[in-house]
PDB file of N, CA and C in Angstrom:
ATOM      1  N   MET A   1       0.691  -1.030  -0.088  1.00  0.00           N
ATOM      2  CA  MET A   1      -0.038   0.116   0.154  1.00  0.00           C
ATOM      3  C   MET A   1       0.675   1.213   0.128  1.00  0.00           C
ATOM      4  N   GLY A   2       1.947   0.945   0.460  1.00  0.00           N
ATOM      5  CA  GLY A   2       2.896   2.405   0.716  1.00  0.00           C
ATOM      6  C   GLY A   2       3.337   3.256  -0.602  1.00  0.00           C
ATOM      7  N   LYS A   3       3.754   2.096  -1.502  1.00  0.00           N
ATOM      8  CA  LYS A   3       3.976   2.712  -2.936  1.00  0.00           C
ATOM      9  C   LYS A   3       2.775   3.109  -3.725  1.00  0.00           C
ATOM     10  N   THR A   4       1.695   2.736  -3.596  1.00  0.00           N
ATOM     11  CA  THR A   4       0.434   3.241  -4.022  1.00  0.00           C
ATOM     12  C   THR A   4       0.176   4.432  -3.497  1.00  0.00           C
ATOM     13  N   VAL A   5      -0.106   4.947  -2.209  1.00  0.00           N
ATOM     14  CA  VAL A   5      -0.216   5.831  -1.572  1.00  0.00           C
ATOM     15  C   VAL A   5       1.074   6.995  -1.982  1.00  0.00           C
ATOM     16  N   ASN A   6       2.346   6.600  -2.119  1.00  0.00           N
ATOM     17  CA  ASN A   6       3.300   7.695  -2.725  1.00  0.00           C
ATOM     18  C   ASN A   6       3.033   7.853  -3.776  1.00  0.00           C
ATOM     19  N   SER A   7       2.412   6.931  -4.968  1.00  0.00           N
ATOM     20  CA  SER A   7       2.432   7.692  -6.331  1.00  0.00           C
ATOM     21  C   SER A   7       1.124   8.407  -6.598  1.00  0.00           C
ATOM     22  N   SER A   8       0.259   8.439  -5.547  1.00  0.00           N
ATOM     23  CA  SER A   8      -0.948   9.229  -5.641  1.00  0.00           C
ATOM     24  C   SER A   8      -0.756  10.488  -4.966  1.00  0.00           C
ATOM     25  N   VAL A   9       0.200  10.473  -3.788  1.00  0.00           N
ATOM     26  CA  VAL A   9       0.465  11.747  -3.118  1.00  0.00           C
ATOM     27  C   VAL A   9       2.060  12.130  -3.615  1.00  0.00           C
ATOM     28  N   ASN A  10       2.251  12.507  -4.611  1.00  0.00           N
ATOM     29  CA  ASN A  10       3.656  12.991  -5.309  1.00  0.00           C
ATOM     30  C   ASN A  10       4.003  14.391  -4.754  1.00  0.00           C
ATOM     31  N   ILE A  11       5.121  13.932  -3.622  1.00  0.00           N
ATOM     32  CA  ILE A  11       5.775  14.993  -2.977  1.00  0.00           C
ATOM     33  C   ILE A  11       6.171  16.097  -3.706  1.00  0.00           C
ATOM     34  N   ARG A  12       6.470  15.716  -4.935  1.00  0.00           N
ATOM     35  CA  ARG A  12       7.054  16.900  -5.848  1.00  0.00           C
ATOM     36  C   ARG A  12       6.206  17.426  -6.590  1.00  0.00           C
ATOM     37  N   SER A  13       5.073  17.462  -6.239  1.00  0.00           N
ATOM     38  CA  SER A  13       4.082  18.201  -7.289  1.00  0.00           C
ATOM     39  C   SER A  13       4.441  19.839  -7.370  1.00  0.00           C
ATOM     40  N   LYS A  14       3.851  20.267  -8.613  1.00  0.00           N
ATOM     41  CA  LYS A  14       4.394  21.573  -8.911  1.00  0.00           C
ATOM     42  C   LYS A  14       3.525  22.511  -8.084  1.00  0.00           C
ATOM     43  N   THR A  15       2.365  22.543  -7.852  1.00  0.00           N
ATOM     44  CA  THR A  15       1.826  23.392  -6.582  1.00  0.00           C
ATOM     45  C   THR A  15       2.243  23.080  -5.373  1.00  0.00           C
ATOM     46  N   GLY A  16       2.592  21.977  -4.824  1.00  0.00           N
ATOM     47  CA  GLY A  16       3.151  21.805  -3.423  1.00  0.00           C
ATOM     48  C   GLY A  16       1.984  21.609  -2.699  1.00  0.00           C
ATOM     49  N   TYR A  17       0.720  21.472  -3.195  1.00  0.00           N
ATOM     50  CA  TYR A  17      -0.492  21.301  -2.282  1.00  0.00           C
ATOM     51  C   TYR A  17      -0.798  19.837  -2.019  1.00  0.00           C
ATOM     52  N   SER A  18      -1.204  19.183  -1.104  1.00  0.00           N
ATOM     53  CA  SER A  18      -1.533  17.919  -0.721  1.00  0.00           C
ATOM     54  C   SER A  18      -3.057  18.017  -0.210  1.00  0.00           C
ATOM     55  N   GLY A  19      -3.796  17.239  -0.727  1.00  0.00           N
ATOM     56  CA  GLY A  19      -5.244  17.007   0.108  1.00  0.00           C
ATOM     57  C   GLY A  19      -5.759  15.643   0.227  1.00  0.00           C
ATOM     58  N   LEU A  20      -6.490  15.518   1.338  1.00  0.00           N
ATOM     59  CA  LEU A  20      -7.097  14.345   1.960  1.00  0.00           C
ATOM     60  C   LEU A  20      -8.414  14.643   1.795  1.00  0.00           C
ATOM     61  N   VAL A  21      -9.114  13.682   0.706  1.00  0.00           N
ATOM     62  CA  VAL A  21     -10.370  13.977   0.371  1.00  0.00           C
ATOM     63  C   VAL A  21     -11.242  12.741   0.921  1.00  0.00           C
ATOM     64  N   THR A  22     -12.036  13.158   1.995  1.00  0.00           N
ATOM     65  CA  THR A  22     -12.971  12.373   2.821  1.00  0.00           C
ATOM     66  C   THR A  22     -13.980  12.146   1.731  1.00  0.00           C
ATOM     67  N   GLY A  23     -14.676  10.623   2.091  1.00  0.00           N
ATOM     68  CA  GLY A  23     -15.858  10.449   1.082  1.00  0.00           C
ATOM     69  C   GLY A  23     -15.472  10.487  -0.159  1.00  0.00           C
ATOM     70  N   ALA A  24     -14.147  10.014  -0.622  1.00  0.00           N
ATOM     71  CA  ALA A  24     -13.783  10.404  -1.886  1.00  0.00           C
ATOM     72  C   ALA A  24     -14.635   9.361  -2.759  1.00  0.00           C
ATOM     73  N   ALA A  25     -15.321   8.393  -2.629  1.00  0.00           N
ATOM     74  CA  ALA A  25     -15.963   7.333  -3.505  1.00  0.00           C
ATOM     75  C   ALA A  25     -17.438   7.410  -3.663  1.00  0.00           C
ATOM     76  N   GLY A  26     -17.904   9.017  -2.888  1.00  0.00           N
ATOM     77  CA  GLY A  26     -19.076   9.417  -2.883  1.00  0.00           C
ATOM     78  C   GLY A  26     -19.215  10.222  -4.094  1.00  0.00           C
ATOM     79  N   PHE A  27     -20.626  10.929  -4.204  1.00  0.00           N
ATOM     80  CA  PHE A  27     -20.632  12.205  -5.165  1.00  0.00           C
ATOM     81  C   PHE A  27     -19.643  13.266  -5.340  1.00  0.00           C
ATOM     82  N   VAL A  28     -19.752  13.907  -4.248  1.00  0.00           N
ATOM     83  CA  VAL A  28     -18.865  15.054  -4.302  1.00  0.00           C
ATOM     84  C   VAL A  28     -17.232  14.691  -4.360  1.00  0.00           C
ATOM     85  N   GLY A  29     -16.817  13.603  -3.813  1.00  0.00           N
ATOM     86  CA  GLY A  29     -15.487  13.265  -3.672  1.00  0.00           C
ATOM     87  C   GLY A  29     -14.940  12.685  -4.974  1.00  0.00           C
ATOM     88  N   THR A  30     -16.000  11.827  -5.503  1.00  0.00           N
ATOM     89  CA  THR A  30     -15.452  11.368  -7.158  1.00  0.00           C
ATOM     90  C   THR A  30     -15.497  12.620  -7.886  1.00  0.00           C
ATOM     91  N   HIS A  31     -16.184  13.791  -7.769  1.00  0.00           N
ATOM     92  CA  HIS A  31     -15.971  14.969  -8.894  1.00  0.00           C
ATOM     93  C   HIS A  31     -14.967  15.920  -8.315  1.00  0.00           C
ATOM     94  N   VAL A  32     -14.659  15.861  -7.044  1.00  0.00           N
ATOM     95  CA  VAL A  32     -13.628  16.895  -6.630  1.00  0.00           C
ATOM     96  C   VAL A  32     -12.231  16.385  -6.691  1.00  0.00           C
ATOM     97  N   SER A  33     -12.058  15.303  -6.429  1.00  0.00           N
ATOM     98  CA  SER A  33     -10.452  14.615  -6.675  1.00  0.00           C
ATOM     99  C   SER A  33      -9.972  14.645  -7.795  1.00  0.00           C
ATOM    100  N   PRO A  34     -10.360  14.014  -9.011  1.00  0.00           N
ATOM    101  CA  PRO A  34      -9.886  14.565 -10.352  1.00  0.00           C
ATOM    102  C   PRO A  34      -9.870  15.844 -10.724  1.00  0.00           C
ATOM    103  N   ILE A  35     -10.600  16.644 -10.384  1.00  0.00           N
ATOM    104  CA  ILE A  35     -10.272  18.259 -10.737  1.00  0.00           C
ATOM    105  C   ILE A  35      -9.084  18.656  -9.750  1.00  0.00           C
ATOM    106  N   LEU A  36      -9.002  18.427  -8.307  1.00  0.00           N
ATOM    107  CA  LEU A  36      -7.663  18.469  -7.808  1.00  0.00           C
ATOM    108  C   LEU A  36      -6.312  17.881  -8.532  1.00  0.00           C
ATOM    109  N   LYS A  37      -6.417  16.898  -8.919  1.00  0.00           N
ATOM    110  CA  LYS A  37      -5.272  16.053  -9.346  1.00  0.00           C
ATOM    111  C   LYS A  37      -5.149  16.758 -10.890  1.00  0.00           C
ATOM    112  N   CYS A  38      -6.009  17.175 -11.401  1.00  0.00           N
ATOM    113  CA  CYS A  38      -5.500  18.007 -12.800  1.00  0.00           C
ATOM    114  C   CYS A  38      -4.957  19.199 -12.668  1.00  0.00           C
ATOM    115  N   HIS A  39      -5.160  19.764 -11.457  1.00  0.00           N
ATOM    116  CA  HIS A  39      -4.262  20.802 -11.068  1.00  0.00           C
ATOM    117  C   HIS A  39      -2.764  20.642 -10.678  1.00  0.00           C
ATOM    118  N   ASP A  40      -2.192  19.362 -10.603  1.00  0.00           N
ATOM    119  CA  ASP A  40      -1.137  18.852 -10.195  1.00  0.00           C
ATOM    120  C   ASP A  40      -0.830  18.865  -8.524  1.00  0.00           C
ATOM    121  N   ASP A  41      -2.043  18.925  -7.953  1.00  0.00           N
ATOM    122  CA  ASP A  41      -2.163  18.879  -6.411  1.00  0.00           C
ATOM    123  C   ASP A  41      -2.013  17.417  -6.273  1.00  0.00           C
ATOM    124  N   CYS A  42      -1.580  17.075  -5.070  1.00  0.00           N
ATOM    125  CA  CYS A  42      -1.090  15.532  -4.449  1.00  0.00           C
ATOM    126  C   CYS A  42      -2.703  15.255  -4.074  1.00  0.00           C
ATOM    127  N   VAL A  43      -3.354  14.045  -4.112  1.00  0.00           N
ATOM    128  CA  VAL A  43      -4.827  13.847  -3.682  1.00  0.00           C
ATOM    129  C   VAL A  43      -4.717  12.397  -3.181  1.00  0.00           C
ATOM    130  N   LEU A  44      -5.215  12.186  -1.771  1.00  0.00           N
ATOM    131  CA  LEU A  44      -5.505  10.829  -1.379  1.00  0.00           C
ATOM    132  C   LEU A  44      -6.785  10.967  -0.804  1.00  0.00           C
ATOM    133  N   GLY A  45      -7.610   9.729  -1.226  1.00  0.00           N
ATOM    134  CA  GLY A  45      -8.826   9.639  -0.939  1.00  0.00           C
ATOM    135  C   GLY A  45      -9.005   8.677   0.179  1.00  0.00           C
ATOM    136  N   LEU A  46     -10.110   8.911   0.917  1.00  0.00           N
ATOM    137  CA  LEU A  46     -10.760   8.062   2.185  1.00  0.00           C
ATOM    138  C   LEU A  46     -11.851   7.849   2.015  1.00  0.00           C
ATOM    139  N   ASP A  47     -12.459   6.670   2.268  1.00  0.00           N
ATOM    140  CA  ASP A  47     -14.125   6.318   2.290  1.00  0.00           C
ATOM    141  C   ASP A  47     -13.999   5.213   3.169  1.00  0.00           C
ATOM    142  N   ASN A  48     -15.224   5.177   3.859  1.00  0.00           N
ATOM    143  CA  ASN A  48     -15.410   3.955   4.599  1.00  0.00           C
ATOM    144  C   ASN A  48     -16.420   2.847   3.933  1.00  0.00           C
ATOM    145  N   PHE A  49     -16.884   3.253   2.778  1.00  0.00           N
ATOM    146  CA  PHE A  49     -17.807   2.495   1.653  1.00  0.00           C
ATOM    147  C   PHE A  49     -19.027   2.001   2.706  1.00  0.00           C
ATOM    148  N   ASN A  50     -19.584   3.134   3.416  1.00  0.00           N
ATOM    149  CA  ASN A  50     -20.824   2.613   4.121  1.00  0.00           C
ATOM    150  C   ASN A  50     -22.027   2.544   2.787  1.00  0.00           C
ATOM    151  N   ASN A  51     -23.094   2.084   3.384  1.00  0.00           N
ATOM    152  CA  ASN A  51     -24.312   1.721   2.612  1.00  0.00           C
ATOM    153  C   ASN A  51     -25.291   2.706   2.278  1.00  0.00           C
ATOM    154  N   TYR A  52     -24.973   4.172   2.696  1.00  0.00           N
ATOM    155  CA  TYR A  52     -25.562   5.282   2.485  1.00  0.00           C
ATOM    156  C   TYR A  52     -26.080   5.384   1.031  1.00  0.00           C
ATOM    157  N   TYR A  53     -24.943   5.169   0.259  1.00  0.00           N
ATOM    158  CA  TYR A  53     -25.378   4.970  -1.323  1.00  0.00           C
ATOM    159  C   TYR A  53     -24.785   3.540  -1.600  1.00  0.00           C
ATOM    160  N   ASP A  54     -25.288   2.728  -2.784  1.00  0.00           N
ATOM    161  CA  ASP A  54     -25.009   1.869  -2.990  1.00  0.00           C
ATOM    162  C   ASP A  54     -23.322   1.392  -3.211  1.00  0.00           C
ATOM    163  N   PRO A  55     -22.886   0.272  -2.290  1.00  0.00           N
ATOM    164  CA  PRO A  55     -21.675   0.305  -2.336  1.00  0.00           C
ATOM    165  C   PRO A  55     -21.186  -0.283  -3.424  1.00  0.00           C
ATOM    166  N   THR A  56     -21.750  -0.872  -4.428  1.00  0.00           N
ATOM    167  CA  THR A  56     -21.227  -1.315  -5.710  1.00  0.00           C
ATOM    168  C   THR A  56     -20.843  -0.133  -6.726  1.00  0.00           C
ATOM    169  N   LEU A  57     -21.617   1.153  -6.523  1.00  0.00           N
ATOM    170  CA  LEU A  57     -21.264   2.282  -7.170  1.00  0.00           C
ATOM    171  C   LEU A  57     -20.014   2.938  -6.583  1.00  0.00           C
ATOM    172  N   LYS A  58     -20.175   2.827  -5.482  1.00  0.00           N
ATOM    173  CA  LYS A  58     -18.784   3.599  -4.671  1.00  0.00           C
ATOM    174  C   LYS A  58     -17.542   2.918  -5.197  1.00  0.00           C
ATOM    175  N   ARG A  59     -17.649   1.354  -5.318  1.00  0.00           N
ATOM    176  CA  ARG A  59     -16.454   0.519  -5.465  1.00  0.00           C
ATOM    177  C   ARG A  59     -16.037   1.110  -7.114  1.00  0.00           C
ATOM    178  N   ALA A  60     -17.117   1.167  -7.675  1.00  0.00           N
ATOM    179  CA  ALA A  60     -17.002   1.665  -9.277  1.00  0.00           C
ATOM    180  C   ALA A  60     -16.405   2.820  -9.145  1.00  0.00           C
ATOM    181  N   CYS A  61     -16.662   3.886  -8.577  1.00  0.00           N
ATOM    182  CA  CYS A  61     -16.020   5.033  -8.314  1.00  0.00           C
ATOM    183  C   CYS A  61     -14.468   4.964  -7.840  1.00  0.00           C
ATOM    184  N   GLN A  62     -14.296   3.965  -7.162  1.00  0.00           N
ATOM    185  CA  GLN A  62     -12.997   3.812  -6.383  1.00  0.00           C
ATOM    186  C   GLN A  62     -12.086   3.393  -7.624  1.00  0.00           C
ATOM    187  N   VAL A  63     -12.546   2.511  -8.737  1.00  0.00           N
ATOM    188  CA  VAL A  63     -11.820   2.081  -9.782  1.00  0.00           C
ATOM    189  C   VAL A  63     -11.519   3.052 -10.669  1.00  0.00           C
ATOM    190  N   LEU A  64     -12.466   4.110 -10.806  1.00  0.00           N
ATOM    191  CA  LEU A  64     -12.294   5.326 -11.798  1.00  0.00           C
ATOM    192  C   LEU A  64     -11.194   6.174 -11.259  1.00  0.00           C
ATOM    193  N   LEU A  65     -11.235   6.364  -9.996  1.00  0.00           N
ATOM    194  CA  LEU A  65     -10.375   7.264  -9.339  1.00  0.00           C
ATOM    195  C   LEU A  65      -8.858   6.771  -9.179  1.00  0.00           C
ATOM    196  N   GLU A  66      -8.690   5.294  -9.226  1.00  0.00           N
ATOM    197  CA  GLU A  66      -7.484   4.908  -9.172  1.00  0.00           C
ATOM    198  C   GLU A  66      -7.123   5.149 -10.642  1.00  0.00           C
ATOM    199  N   LYS A  67      -7.794   4.853 -11.807  1.00  0.00           N
ATOM    200  CA  LYS A  67      -7.371   5.081 -13.057  1.00  0.00           C
ATOM    201  C   LYS A  67      -6.649   6.181 -13.230  1.00  0.00           C
ATOM    202  N   SER A  68      -7.337   7.133 -12.419  1.00  0.00           N
ATOM    203  CA  SER A  68      -6.964   8.577 -12.674  1.00  0.00           C
ATOM    204  C   SER A  68      -5.575   9.244 -11.649  1.00  0.00           C
ATOM    205  N   GLY A  69      -5.179   7.717 -11.035  1.00  0.00           N
ATOM    206  CA  GLY A  69      -3.888   8.149 -10.161  1.00  0.00           C
ATOM    207  C   GLY A  69      -4.242   8.427  -8.999  1.00  0.00           C
ATOM    208  N   ILE A  70      -5.614   8.345  -8.314  1.00  0.00           N
ATOM    209  CA  ILE A  70      -5.737   8.700  -7.066  1.00  0.00           C
ATOM    210  C   ILE A  70      -6.297   7.457  -6.130  1.00  0.00           C
ATOM    211  N   PHE A  71      -5.433   7.161  -5.286  1.00  0.00           N
ATOM    212  CA  PHE A  71      -5.583   5.862  -4.623  1.00  0.00           C
ATOM    213  C   PHE A  71      -6.432   6.492  -3.371  1.00  0.00           C
ATOM    214  N   VAL A  72      -7.420   5.685  -3.231  1.00  0.00           N
ATOM    215  CA  VAL A  72      -8.517   5.550  -2.196  1.00  0.00           C
ATOM    216  C   VAL A  72      -8.365   4.375  -1.054  1.00  0.00           C
ATOM    217  N   VAL A  73      -7.881   4.831   0.115  1.00  0.00           N
ATOM    218  CA  VAL A  73      -7.792   4.024   1.188  1.00  0.00           C
ATOM    219  C   VAL A  73      -9.562   3.867   1.940  1.00  0.00           C
ATOM    220  N   GLU A  74      -9.548   2.592   2.247  1.00  0.00           N
ATOM    221  CA  GLU A  74     -10.818   2.019   2.678  1.00  0.00           C
ATOM    222  C   GLU A  74     -10.490   2.428   4.359  1.00  0.00           C
ATOM    223  N   GLY A  75     -11.411   3.074   5.136  1.00  0.00           N
ATOM    224  CA  GLY A  75     -11.093   3.667   6.421  1.00  0.00           C
ATOM    225  C   GLY A  75     -12.308   4.797   6.674  1.00  0.00           C
ATOM    226  N   ASP A  76     -12.223   4.711   8.238  1.00  0.00           N
ATOM    227  CA  ASP A  76     -13.178   6.095   8.606  1.00  0.00           C
ATOM    228  C   ASP A  76     -12.410   6.877   9.251  1.00  0.00           C
ATOM    229  N   ILE A  77     -12.605   7.940   8.845  1.00  0.00           N
ATOM    230  CA  ILE A  77     -12.096   9.206   9.561  1.00  0.00           C
ATOM    231  C   ILE A  77     -12.298   9.373  10.816  1.00  0.00           C
ATOM    232  N   ASN A  78     -13.317   8.791  11.449  1.00  0.00           N
ATOM    233  CA  ASN A  78     -13.650   8.897  12.854  1.00  0.00           C
ATOM    234  C   ASN A  78     -12.660   7.608  13.816  1.00  0.00           C
ATOM    235  N   ASP A  79     -12.053   6.796  12.895  1.00  0.00           N
ATOM    236  CA  ASP A  79     -11.034   5.682  13.616  1.00  0.00           C
ATOM    237  C   ASP A  79      -9.764   6.220  14.283  1.00  0.00           C
TER     238      ASP A  79
END
């Protein structure tokens, strides 16, 4: 997992900004994360994949984000 996180959060980005997007596989996170990544910002996603929305849809969003170079960690910000 370490190499995957490092590739998503490139410390040598042009802007120098890093962001943790919580709820990354949800509606807002799925749209915000790629925009941040397009600006050469470092983006790491976090989502607990709860069933508030269809978990299958969230997993599909996770795959799309990871294809864009955004790694999504499964976890809860409250832990």
